[in-house]
Amino acid sequence: MTAPSAELHIFKPRASRRSTFGGAQSSSRTRLSADAQAAIRHVAIAADASSSSEVRLALVWLELARGVSTIVDGFFTNDRCYLVLKTRLDDQAVPIEGRRLEILEAVLAGSRQKNIAIDLQLAPSTVALNSKLALESLGAPGKPSRAHPLLMILARAANEPVAWSARTATFVVHDDSELRVIGIARPDRRLGDYLPNAELAVIRSLIEGSSYQEIARERGTSTRTIANQISAVFRRMHVSGRNELVQRLFRDDLYRARPTPPSEPLPPNQTIVPPGLFTPAEHVSGGARRTA
C-alpha cells in the first residue's frame, strides 16, 4: 500500500515536459496550477491506498473510447502508476470509433505503426495521424510511443479473454469536482532483481514516458549511452520497443496472478516473467544488483 507521502514521478508524455495531460486542447480555465495538481495527486494516492474497490479495466477503456470519461492526469510513485479520470457531460462526449479506435488499440498494444499500416493497408502517415488524434480525444495528447502504461493496459484489457481489474477510488477536489483514480502496480517493479542499477533506472524513466534525450540529461550522460543501455535490456527481454516491453511486463503479471491448471498450458510464446525471462547468466540472484 502506497503512503500519501510517497515520492511522486510526473508523467511526461511530451517533450515540453508539462506534467498534465491537458495538452493544446485544454483551456486556461481547465489547466491546474502546480499546487492544485500536487494536492490532487496526494489525495488520489491516499484514496487509492485506502480503497478496497476494483473496476474491470475493459470497462474503463470502454468509457474512455465512448467519450464518457476523460483523462485529467497521469503520474507514478515508486510502486504504483495512476490515471485520474473525470466524467464528461453528455454533450461533451466525443467517441472514438471504427478504424481510428482499431489503430489506437493496436498502437497501444505495442504494434509498430509501420506494421499496422501494412495490415490495414493504410499509409504510415494516416496511422500516425489517427493515433495522435485519438490520444487527444482521450485527454492524453502526445506520442503513442510514450503513452502512459496504464492507458496501454486499458486498451489491451478490452481484447483480453481474461478479466483484468485494478483498484479504484472516487474523491472530490477543491472545486467540488468528482474525480476517479485508477491505480495499479508498476509494471517494472520486479526488475530490480534482474537488471543492473544503471539499466534499471533508465528503464524506469523510459516507462514513465521520458525520451532518450531527457533521460540522458537527467543522468548526466550521452544519448548514445542511454540508447545502448535500453537496447541491451530490449535484447534480453526479447522485445523491440518500449510499448512492447510494457505490454510484456503487464501480460506476464496477468498470467503470474492467474493459477494455471496442468491441463491448461500457457498461450504460445507467453512465459512467466521475470523468472523465465533471462538466461541463467543474465539473472542476478538474491536481489543483489550489478552496478553498471
C-alpha atoms as a PDB file:
ATOM      1  CA  MET A   1       0.000   0.000   0.000  1.00  0.00           C
ATOM      2  CA  THR A   2       1.422   3.371  -1.019  1.00  0.00           C
ATOM      3  CA  ALA A   3       1.569   6.070   1.599  1.00  0.00           C
ATOM      4  CA  PRO A   4       0.359   9.554   0.689  1.00  0.00           C
ATOM      5  CA  SER A   5       3.873  10.862   1.287  1.00  0.00           C
ATOM      6  CA  ALA A   6       5.378   8.593  -1.359  1.00  0.00           C
ATOM      7  CA  GLU A   7       7.685  10.199  -3.887  1.00  0.00           C
ATOM      8  CA  LEU A   8       5.821  11.312  -6.994  1.00  0.00           C
ATOM      9  CA  HIS A   9       7.073  10.899 -10.539  1.00  0.00           C
ATOM     10  CA  ILE A  10       5.416  13.193 -13.039  1.00  0.00           C
ATOM     11  CA  PHE A  11       4.408  11.505 -16.266  1.00  0.00           C
ATOM     12  CA  LYS A  12       5.933  13.383 -19.206  1.00  0.00           C
ATOM     13  CA  PRO A  13       4.189  12.402 -22.428  1.00  0.00           C
ATOM     14  CA  ARG A  14       5.562  15.326 -24.435  1.00  0.00           C
ATOM     15  CA  ALA A  15       8.908  16.996 -24.962  1.00  0.00           C
ATOM     16  CA  SER A  16       7.560  20.188 -23.390  1.00  0.00           C
ATOM     17  CA  ARG A  17       7.647  18.303 -20.057  1.00  0.00           C
ATOM     18  CA  ARG A  18       4.370  19.829 -18.889  1.00  0.00           C
ATOM     19  CA  SER A  19       3.128  17.498 -16.226  1.00  0.00           C
ATOM     20  CA  THR A  20      -0.553  17.126 -17.047  1.00  0.00           C
ATOM     21  CA  PHE A  21      -2.414  15.513 -19.897  1.00  0.00           C
ATOM     22  CA  GLY A  22      -4.121  18.820 -20.640  1.00  0.00           C
ATOM     23  CA  GLY A  23      -2.297  19.475 -23.904  1.00  0.00           C
ATOM     24  CA  ALA A  24      -3.087  22.055 -26.537  1.00  0.00           C
ATOM     25  CA  GLN A  25      -6.816  21.426 -26.367  1.00  0.00           C
ATOM     26  CA  SER A  26      -7.128  22.397 -22.701  1.00  0.00           C
ATOM     27  CA  SER A  27      -8.237  25.937 -21.973  1.00  0.00           C
ATOM     28  CA  SER A  28      -6.636  28.098 -19.306  1.00  0.00           C
ATOM     29  CA  ARG A  29      -9.735  27.509 -17.165  1.00  0.00           C
ATOM     30  CA  THR A  30      -9.141  23.741 -17.005  1.00  0.00           C
ATOM     31  CA  ARG A  31      -5.374  23.732 -16.519  1.00  0.00           C
ATOM     32  CA  LEU A  32      -4.308  23.012 -12.986  1.00  0.00           C
ATOM     33  CA  SER A  33      -1.802  25.088 -11.091  1.00  0.00           C
ATOM     34  CA  ALA A  34       1.204  23.206  -9.773  1.00  0.00           C
ATOM     35  CA  ASP A  35      -0.138  23.433  -6.212  1.00  0.00           C
ATOM     36  CA  ALA A  36      -3.607  22.233  -7.215  1.00  0.00           C
ATOM     37  CA  GLN A  37      -2.143  19.357  -9.193  1.00  0.00           C
ATOM     38  CA  ALA A  38       0.090  18.309  -6.312  1.00  0.00           C
ATOM     39  CA  ALA A  39      -2.882  18.395  -3.944  1.00  0.00           C
ATOM     40  CA  ILE A  40      -4.973  16.251  -6.303  1.00  0.00           C
ATOM     41  CA  ARG A  41      -2.185  13.719  -6.612  1.00  0.00           C
ATOM     42  CA  HIS A  42      -1.718  13.356  -2.874  1.00  0.00           C
ATOM     43  CA  VAL A  43      -5.456  12.949  -2.380  1.00  0.00           C
ATOM     44  CA  ALA A  44      -5.534  10.416  -5.232  1.00  0.00           C
ATOM     45  CA  ILE A  45      -2.716   8.385  -3.663  1.00  0.00           C
ATOM     46  CA  ALA A  46      -4.446   8.389  -0.278  1.00  0.00           C
ATOM     47  CA  ALA A  47      -7.772   7.403  -1.848  1.00  0.00           C
ATOM     48  CA  ASP A  48      -6.104   4.575  -3.754  1.00  0.00           C
ATOM     49  CA  ALA A  49      -4.284   3.323  -0.661  1.00  0.00           C
ATOM     50  CA  SER A  50      -7.460   3.165   1.433  1.00  0.00           C
ATOM     51  CA  SER A  51      -9.717   1.729  -1.281  1.00  0.00           C
ATOM     52  CA  SER A  52     -10.904  -1.861  -1.438  1.00  0.00           C
ATOM     53  CA  SER A  53     -12.923  -1.340  -4.633  1.00  0.00           C
ATOM     54  CA  GLU A  54     -11.873  -2.659  -8.008  1.00  0.00           C
ATOM     55  CA  VAL A  55     -13.005  -1.965 -11.551  1.00  0.00           C
ATOM     56  CA  ARG A  56     -12.705  -4.009 -14.725  1.00  0.00           C
ATOM     57  CA  LEU A  57     -10.128  -2.332 -16.918  1.00  0.00           C
ATOM     58  CA  ALA A  58     -12.084  -3.229 -20.047  1.00  0.00           C
ATOM     59  CA  LEU A  59     -14.997  -1.161 -18.740  1.00  0.00           C
ATOM     60  CA  VAL A  60     -12.748   1.815 -18.068  1.00  0.00           C
ATOM     61  CA  TRP A  61     -11.423   1.600 -21.623  1.00  0.00           C
ATOM     62  CA  LEU A  62     -14.973   1.452 -22.947  1.00  0.00           C
ATOM     63  CA  GLU A  63     -15.833   4.646 -21.033  1.00  0.00           C
ATOM     64  CA  LEU A  64     -12.795   6.418 -22.456  1.00  0.00           C
ATOM     65  CA  ALA A  65     -13.403   5.231 -26.009  1.00  0.00           C
ATOM     66  CA  ARG A  66     -17.042   6.326 -25.844  1.00  0.00           C
ATOM     67  CA  GLY A  67     -16.045   9.739 -24.547  1.00  0.00           C
ATOM     68  CA  VAL A  68     -17.885   9.233 -21.267  1.00  0.00           C
ATOM     69  CA  SER A  69     -14.678   9.841 -19.285  1.00  0.00           C
ATOM     70  CA  THR A  70     -11.551  11.859 -19.977  1.00  0.00           C
ATOM     71  CA  ILE A  71      -8.034  11.641 -18.564  1.00  0.00           C
ATOM     72  CA  VAL A  72      -7.109  14.508 -16.262  1.00  0.00           C
ATOM     73  CA  ASP A  73      -3.663  13.398 -15.123  1.00  0.00           C
ATOM     74  CA  GLY A  74      -1.221  10.525 -15.042  1.00  0.00           C
ATOM     75  CA  PHE A  75       1.652  10.020 -12.614  1.00  0.00           C
ATOM     76  CA  PHE A  76       3.810   7.489 -10.787  1.00  0.00           C
ATOM     77  CA  THR A  77       5.119   6.665  -7.341  1.00  0.00           C
ATOM     78  CA  ASN A  78       7.944   4.249  -6.669  1.00  0.00           C
ATOM     79  CA  ASP A  79       5.495   1.338  -6.516  1.00  0.00           C
ATOM     80  CA  ARG A  80       2.390   2.279  -8.495  1.00  0.00           C
ATOM     81  CA  CYS A  81       1.147   4.130 -11.540  1.00  0.00           C
ATOM     82  CA  TYR A  82      -2.063   6.136 -11.672  1.00  0.00           C
ATOM     83  CA  LEU A  83      -4.562   7.707 -14.020  1.00  0.00           C
ATOM     84  CA  VAL A  84      -7.012  10.333 -12.785  1.00  0.00           C
ATOM     85  CA  LEU A  85     -10.288  10.454 -14.730  1.00  0.00           C
ATOM     86  CA  LYS A  86     -13.211  12.845 -14.878  1.00  0.00           C
ATOM     87  CA  THR A  87     -16.698  12.113 -16.186  1.00  0.00           C
ATOM     88  CA  ARG A  88     -17.703  14.210 -19.180  1.00  0.00           C
ATOM     89  CA  LEU A  89     -21.095  15.782 -19.624  1.00  0.00           C
ATOM     90  CA  ASP A  90     -23.271  14.078 -22.224  1.00  0.00           C
ATOM     91  CA  ASP A  91     -22.935  16.935 -24.712  1.00  0.00           C
ATOM     92  CA  GLN A  92     -19.127  16.822 -24.400  1.00  0.00           C
ATOM     93  CA  ALA A  93     -18.720  13.132 -25.212  1.00  0.00           C
ATOM     94  CA  VAL A  94     -16.863  12.502 -28.473  1.00  0.00           C
ATOM     95  CA  PRO A  95     -16.444   8.743 -29.061  1.00  0.00           C
ATOM     96  CA  ILE A  96     -13.503   7.145 -30.833  1.00  0.00           C
ATOM     97  CA  GLU A  97     -14.898   4.645 -33.303  1.00  0.00           C
ATOM     98  CA  GLY A  98     -14.161   2.452 -36.284  1.00  0.00           C
ATOM     99  CA  ARG A  99     -10.732   2.455 -37.879  1.00  0.00           C
ATOM    100  CA  ARG A 100      -9.363   5.135 -35.567  1.00  0.00           C
ATOM    101  CA  LEU A 101     -10.158   3.027 -32.495  1.00  0.00           C
ATOM    102  CA  GLU A 102      -8.650  -0.037 -34.165  1.00  0.00           C
ATOM    103  CA  ILE A 103      -5.452   1.883 -34.891  1.00  0.00           C
ATOM    104  CA  LEU A 104      -5.200   3.262 -31.357  1.00  0.00           C
ATOM    105  CA  GLU A 105      -5.681  -0.133 -29.716  1.00  0.00           C
ATOM    106  CA  ALA A 106      -3.050  -1.690 -31.981  1.00  0.00           C
ATOM    107  CA  VAL A 107      -0.529   1.086 -31.273  1.00  0.00           C
ATOM    108  CA  LEU A 108      -1.082   0.908 -27.514  1.00  0.00           C
ATOM    109  CA  ALA A 109      -0.790  -2.890 -27.664  1.00  0.00           C
ATOM    110  CA  GLY A 110       2.815  -2.444 -28.802  1.00  0.00           C
ATOM    111  CA  SER A 111       2.469  -2.956 -32.552  1.00  0.00           C
ATOM    112  CA  ARG A 112       4.686  -0.815 -34.735  1.00  0.00           C
ATOM    113  CA  GLN A 113       2.921   1.819 -36.759  1.00  0.00           C
ATOM    114  CA  LYS A 114       4.572   0.563 -39.934  1.00  0.00           C
ATOM    115  CA  ASN A 115       3.190  -2.933 -39.345  1.00  0.00           C
ATOM    116  CA  ILE A 116      -0.264  -1.538 -38.555  1.00  0.00           C
ATOM    117  CA  ALA A 117      -0.197   0.420 -41.807  1.00  0.00           C
ATOM    118  CA  ILE A 118       0.637  -2.749 -43.759  1.00  0.00           C
ATOM    119  CA  ASP A 119      -2.032  -4.819 -42.014  1.00  0.00           C
ATOM    120  CA  LEU A 120      -4.735  -2.189 -42.550  1.00  0.00           C
ATOM    121  CA  GLN A 121      -3.465  -1.175 -45.999  1.00  0.00           C
ATOM    122  CA  LEU A 122      -3.029   2.429 -44.946  1.00  0.00           C
ATOM    123  CA  ALA A 123      -0.267   4.966 -45.311  1.00  0.00           C
ATOM    124  CA  PRO A 124       2.019   5.180 -42.240  1.00  0.00           C
ATOM    125  CA  SER A 125       1.194   8.890 -42.007  1.00  0.00           C
ATOM    126  CA  THR A 126      -2.517   8.008 -41.736  1.00  0.00           C
ATOM    127  CA  VAL A 127      -1.802   5.634 -38.861  1.00  0.00           C
ATOM    128  CA  ALA A 128       0.338   8.253 -37.106  1.00  0.00           C
ATOM    129  CA  LEU A 129      -2.289  10.978 -37.508  1.00  0.00           C
ATOM    130  CA  ASN A 130      -5.200   8.815 -36.332  1.00  0.00           C
ATOM    131  CA  SER A 131      -3.347   7.563 -33.253  1.00  0.00           C
ATOM    132  CA  LYS A 132      -2.360  11.138 -32.372  1.00  0.00           C
ATOM    133  CA  LEU A 133      -5.928  12.442 -32.745  1.00  0.00           C
ATOM    134  CA  ALA A 134      -7.323   9.501 -30.780  1.00  0.00           C
ATOM    135  CA  LEU A 135      -4.992  10.183 -27.845  1.00  0.00           C
ATOM    136  CA  GLU A 136      -6.045  13.825 -27.867  1.00  0.00           C
ATOM    137  CA  SER A 137      -9.686  12.725 -27.713  1.00  0.00           C
ATOM    138  CA  LEU A 138      -8.907  10.697 -24.585  1.00  0.00           C
ATOM    139  CA  GLY A 139      -7.320  13.726 -22.924  1.00  0.00           C
ATOM    140  CA  ALA A 140      -3.801  12.292 -23.296  1.00  0.00           C
ATOM    141  CA  PRO A 141      -2.075  14.159 -26.141  1.00  0.00           C
ATOM    142  CA  GLY A 142       1.422  13.052 -27.020  1.00  0.00           C
ATOM    143  CA  LYS A 143       3.332  10.408 -28.888  1.00  0.00           C
ATOM    144  CA  PRO A 144       1.827   6.894 -28.783  1.00  0.00           C
ATOM    145  CA  SER A 145       5.327   5.543 -28.186  1.00  0.00           C
ATOM    146  CA  ARG A 146       5.324   7.360 -24.832  1.00  0.00           C
ATOM    147  CA  ALA A 147       1.764   6.631 -23.734  1.00  0.00           C
ATOM    148  CA  HIS A 148       1.072   6.066 -20.045  1.00  0.00           C
ATOM    149  CA  PRO A 149       1.475   2.351 -19.194  1.00  0.00           C
ATOM    150  CA  LEU A 150      -1.918   2.141 -17.517  1.00  0.00           C
ATOM    151  CA  LEU A 151      -3.581   3.603 -20.599  1.00  0.00           C
ATOM    152  CA  MET A 152      -1.851   0.926 -22.655  1.00  0.00           C
ATOM    153  CA  ILE A 153      -3.125  -1.855 -20.447  1.00  0.00           C
ATOM    154  CA  LEU A 154      -6.650  -0.429 -20.512  1.00  0.00           C
ATOM    155  CA  ALA A 155      -6.639  -0.795 -24.289  1.00  0.00           C
ATOM    156  CA  ARG A 156      -5.197  -4.295 -24.042  1.00  0.00           C
ATOM    157  CA  ALA A 157      -7.777  -5.349 -21.452  1.00  0.00           C
ATOM    158  CA  ALA A 158     -10.605  -4.656 -23.892  1.00  0.00           C
ATOM    159  CA  ASN A 159      -9.379  -7.548 -26.046  1.00  0.00           C
ATOM    160  CA  GLU A 160      -8.175  -9.952 -23.342  1.00  0.00           C
ATOM    161  CA  PRO A 161     -10.144 -13.169 -22.732  1.00  0.00           C
ATOM    162  CA  VAL A 162      -9.295 -12.928 -19.019  1.00  0.00           C
ATOM    163  CA  ALA A 163     -10.882 -10.123 -16.980  1.00  0.00           C
ATOM    164  CA  TRP A 164      -8.292  -7.683 -15.655  1.00  0.00           C
ATOM    165  CA  SER A 165      -9.105  -5.405 -12.713  1.00  0.00           C
ATOM    166  CA  ALA A 166      -7.443  -2.525 -10.888  1.00  0.00           C
ATOM    167  CA  ARG A 167      -8.019  -0.630  -7.684  1.00  0.00           C
ATOM    168  CA  THR A 168     -10.246   2.423  -7.996  1.00  0.00           C
ATOM    169  CA  ALA A 169     -11.499   5.217  -5.767  1.00  0.00           C
ATOM    170  CA  THR A 170     -13.572   8.372  -6.187  1.00  0.00           C
ATOM    171  CA  PHE A 171     -12.703  11.645  -4.493  1.00  0.00           C
ATOM    172  CA  VAL A 172     -13.769  15.284  -4.545  1.00  0.00           C
ATOM    173  CA  VAL A 173     -11.325  18.132  -5.125  1.00  0.00           C
ATOM    174  CA  HIS A 174     -11.234  21.807  -4.184  1.00  0.00           C
ATOM    175  CA  ASP A 175     -13.758  22.963  -6.814  1.00  0.00           C
ATOM    176  CA  ASP A 176     -16.210  20.191  -5.861  1.00  0.00           C
ATOM    177  CA  SER A 177     -15.337  18.227  -8.986  1.00  0.00           C
ATOM    178  CA  GLU A 178     -15.598  14.469  -8.592  1.00  0.00           C
ATOM    179  CA  LEU A 179     -12.574  12.609  -9.898  1.00  0.00           C
ATOM    180  CA  ARG A 180     -11.718   8.935 -10.046  1.00  0.00           C
ATOM    181  CA  VAL A 181      -8.278   7.427  -9.632  1.00  0.00           C
ATOM    182  CA  ILE A 182      -7.275   4.112 -11.198  1.00  0.00           C
ATOM    183  CA  GLY A 183      -4.147   2.627  -9.657  1.00  0.00           C
ATOM    184  CA  ILE A 184      -2.088  -0.420 -10.483  1.00  0.00           C
ATOM    185  CA  ALA A 185       1.331  -1.759  -9.501  1.00  0.00           C
ATOM    186  CA  ARG A 186       4.174  -0.542 -11.675  1.00  0.00           C
ATOM    187  CA  PRO A 187       4.995  -2.992 -14.459  1.00  0.00           C
ATOM    188  CA  ASP A 188       8.727  -2.616 -13.787  1.00  0.00           C
ATOM    189  CA  ARG A 189       8.587  -3.265 -10.042  1.00  0.00           C
ATOM    190  CA  ARG A 190      10.177  -6.728 -10.208  1.00  0.00           C
ATOM    191  CA  LEU A 191      13.062  -5.783 -12.490  1.00  0.00           C
ATOM    192  CA  GLY A 192      15.269  -4.679  -9.605  1.00  0.00           C
ATOM    193  CA  ASP A 193      16.428  -8.261  -9.071  1.00  0.00           C
ATOM    194  CA  TYR A 194      17.230  -8.762 -12.749  1.00  0.00           C
ATOM    195  CA  LEU A 195      18.833  -5.580 -14.033  1.00  0.00           C
ATOM    196  CA  PRO A 196      21.947  -3.637 -13.064  1.00  0.00           C
ATOM    197  CA  ASN A 197      21.239  -0.417 -11.203  1.00  0.00           C
ATOM    198  CA  ALA A 198      22.019   1.839 -14.145  1.00  0.00           C
ATOM    199  CA  GLU A 199      19.841  -0.100 -16.602  1.00  0.00           C
ATOM    200  CA  LEU A 200      17.017  -0.301 -14.066  1.00  0.00           C
ATOM    201  CA  ALA A 201      16.981   3.474 -13.544  1.00  0.00           C
ATOM    202  CA  VAL A 202      16.994   4.087 -17.290  1.00  0.00           C
ATOM    203  CA  ILE A 203      14.165   1.616 -17.960  1.00  0.00           C
ATOM    204  CA  ARG A 204      12.035   3.072 -15.169  1.00  0.00           C
ATOM    205  CA  SER A 205      12.428   6.547 -16.671  1.00  0.00           C
ATOM    206  CA  LEU A 206      11.596   5.181 -20.115  1.00  0.00           C
ATOM    207  CA  ILE A 207       8.428   3.539 -18.812  1.00  0.00           C
ATOM    208  CA  GLU A 208       7.479   6.815 -17.116  1.00  0.00           C
ATOM    209  CA  GLY A 209       7.456   8.464 -20.544  1.00  0.00           C
ATOM    210  CA  SER A 210      10.867  10.153 -20.708  1.00  0.00           C
ATOM    211  CA  SER A 211      12.653  10.362 -24.049  1.00  0.00           C
ATOM    212  CA  TYR A 212      16.222   9.174 -24.547  1.00  0.00           C
ATOM    213  CA  GLN A 213      17.394  12.808 -24.538  1.00  0.00           C
ATOM    214  CA  GLU A 214      15.562  13.583 -21.294  1.00  0.00           C
ATOM    215  CA  ILE A 215      16.973  10.502 -19.580  1.00  0.00           C
ATOM    216  CA  ALA A 216      20.485  11.430 -20.739  1.00  0.00           C
ATOM    217  CA  ARG A 217      20.136  14.934 -19.287  1.00  0.00           C
ATOM    218  CA  GLU A 218      18.769  13.618 -16.006  1.00  0.00           C
ATOM    219  CA  ARG A 219      21.610  11.115 -15.676  1.00  0.00           C
ATOM    220  CA  GLY A 220      24.359  13.404 -16.948  1.00  0.00           C
ATOM    221  CA  THR A 221      25.429  11.098 -19.750  1.00  0.00           C
ATOM    222  CA  SER A 222      25.179  10.847 -23.531  1.00  0.00           C
ATOM    223  CA  THR A 223      22.134   9.865 -25.518  1.00  0.00           C
ATOM    224  CA  ARG A 224      24.211   7.095 -27.120  1.00  0.00           C
ATOM    225  CA  THR A 225      24.913   5.573 -23.708  1.00  0.00           C
ATOM    226  CA  ILE A 226      21.215   5.619 -22.852  1.00  0.00           C
ATOM    227  CA  ALA A 227      20.334   4.080 -26.220  1.00  0.00           C
ATOM    228  CA  ASN A 228      22.889   1.302 -25.685  1.00  0.00           C
ATOM    229  CA  GLN A 229      21.549   0.522 -22.203  1.00  0.00           C
ATOM    230  CA  ILE A 230      17.960   0.408 -23.434  1.00  0.00           C
ATOM    231  CA  SER A 231      18.904  -1.758 -26.425  1.00  0.00           C
ATOM    232  CA  ALA A 232      20.673  -4.200 -24.105  1.00  0.00           C
ATOM    233  CA  VAL A 233      17.540  -4.583 -21.976  1.00  0.00           C
ATOM    234  CA  PHE A 234      15.315  -4.956 -25.042  1.00  0.00           C
ATOM    235  CA  ARG A 235      17.540  -7.762 -26.363  1.00  0.00           C
ATOM    236  CA  ARG A 236      17.457  -9.657 -23.087  1.00  0.00           C
ATOM    237  CA  MET A 237      13.711  -9.234 -22.751  1.00  0.00           C
ATOM    238  CA  HIS A 238      13.056 -10.169 -26.374  1.00  0.00           C
ATOM    239  CA  VAL A 239      11.112  -7.011 -27.204  1.00  0.00           C
ATOM    240  CA  SER A 240      11.581  -4.440 -29.931  1.00  0.00           C
ATOM    241  CA  GLY A 241      10.407  -1.284 -28.199  1.00  0.00           C
ATOM    242  CA  ARG A 242       9.136   0.487 -25.120  1.00  0.00           C
ATOM    243  CA  ASN A 243       5.413  -0.225 -25.646  1.00  0.00           C
ATOM    244  CA  GLU A 244       6.071  -3.904 -26.304  1.00  0.00           C
ATOM    245  CA  LEU A 245       8.155  -4.023 -23.121  1.00  0.00           C
ATOM    246  CA  VAL A 246       5.314  -2.538 -21.060  1.00  0.00           C
ATOM    247  CA  GLN A 247       2.806  -4.967 -22.537  1.00  0.00           C
ATOM    248  CA  ARG A 248       5.153  -7.891 -21.892  1.00  0.00           C
ATOM    249  CA  LEU A 249       5.569  -6.992 -18.231  1.00  0.00           C
ATOM    250  CA  PHE A 250       1.846  -6.439 -17.691  1.00  0.00           C
ATOM    251  CA  ARG A 251       0.926  -9.596 -19.590  1.00  0.00           C
ATOM    252  CA  ASP A 252       3.225 -11.756 -17.519  1.00  0.00           C
ATOM    253  CA  ASP A 253       1.777 -10.220 -14.357  1.00  0.00           C
ATOM    254  CA  LEU A 254      -1.632 -11.369 -15.571  1.00  0.00           C
ATOM    255  CA  TYR A 255      -0.533 -14.960 -16.006  1.00  0.00           C
ATOM    256  CA  ARG A 256       1.503 -14.864 -12.800  1.00  0.00           C
ATOM    257  CA  ALA A 257      -1.615 -13.873 -10.842  1.00  0.00           C
ATOM    258  CA  ARG A 258      -3.841 -16.410 -12.592  1.00  0.00           C
ATOM    259  CA  PRO A 259      -3.197 -20.000 -11.489  1.00  0.00           C
ATOM    260  CA  THR A 260      -2.817 -22.267 -14.486  1.00  0.00           C
ATOM    261  CA  PRO A 261      -4.010 -25.874 -14.072  1.00  0.00           C
ATOM    262  CA  PRO A 262      -1.727 -28.576 -15.502  1.00  0.00           C
ATOM    263  CA  SER A 263      -4.301 -29.223 -18.223  1.00  0.00           C
ATOM    264  CA  GLU A 264      -4.259 -25.573 -19.288  1.00  0.00           C
ATOM    265  CA  PRO A 265      -0.840 -24.618 -20.659  1.00  0.00           C
ATOM    266  CA  LEU A 266       0.140 -21.008 -21.099  1.00  0.00           C
ATOM    267  CA  PRO A 267      -0.625 -19.498 -24.513  1.00  0.00           C
ATOM    268  CA  PRO A 268       2.175 -19.886 -27.091  1.00  0.00           C
ATOM    269  CA  ASN A 269       5.216 -17.678 -26.502  1.00  0.00           C
ATOM    270  CA  GLN A 270       3.848 -16.492 -23.149  1.00  0.00           C
ATOM    271  CA  THR A 271       6.155 -17.293 -20.265  1.00  0.00           C
ATOM    272  CA  ILE A 272       6.105 -16.160 -16.679  1.00  0.00           C
ATOM    273  CA  VAL A 273       8.467 -13.219 -16.249  1.00  0.00           C
ATOM    274  CA  PRO A 274      10.792 -12.275 -14.660  1.00  0.00           C
ATOM    275  CA  PRO A 275      11.840 -15.861 -13.602  1.00  0.00           C
ATOM    276  CA  GLY A 276      11.731 -17.214 -17.141  1.00  0.00           C
ATOM    277  CA  LEU A 277      12.786 -14.028 -18.839  1.00  0.00           C
ATOM    278  CA  PHE A 278      16.558 -14.072 -18.664  1.00  0.00           C
ATOM    279  CA  THR A 279      19.088 -16.804 -19.189  1.00  0.00           C
ATOM    280  CA  PRO A 280      20.888 -18.019 -16.035  1.00  0.00           C
ATOM    281  CA  ALA A 281      23.973 -15.979 -16.931  1.00  0.00           C
ATOM    282  CA  GLU A 282      21.891 -12.825 -17.131  1.00  0.00           C
ATOM    283  CA  HIS A 283      19.935 -13.383 -13.920  1.00  0.00           C
ATOM    284  CA  VAL A 284      21.130 -11.541 -10.826  1.00  0.00           C
ATOM    285  CA  SER A 285      20.030 -13.662  -7.878  1.00  0.00           C
ATOM    286  CA  GLY A 286      19.324 -12.799  -4.277  1.00  0.00           C
ATOM    287  CA  GLY A 287      18.287  -9.235  -5.008  1.00  0.00           C
ATOM    288  CA  ALA A 288      21.932  -8.131  -5.285  1.00  0.00           C
ATOM    289  CA  ARG A 289      22.190  -5.977  -8.379  1.00  0.00           C
ATOM    290  CA  ARG A 290      25.207  -5.393 -10.508  1.00  0.00           C
ATOM    291  CA  THR A 291      26.322  -1.794 -10.709  1.00  0.00           C
ATOM    292  CA  ALA A 292      26.958  -0.521 -14.220  1.00  0.00           C
END
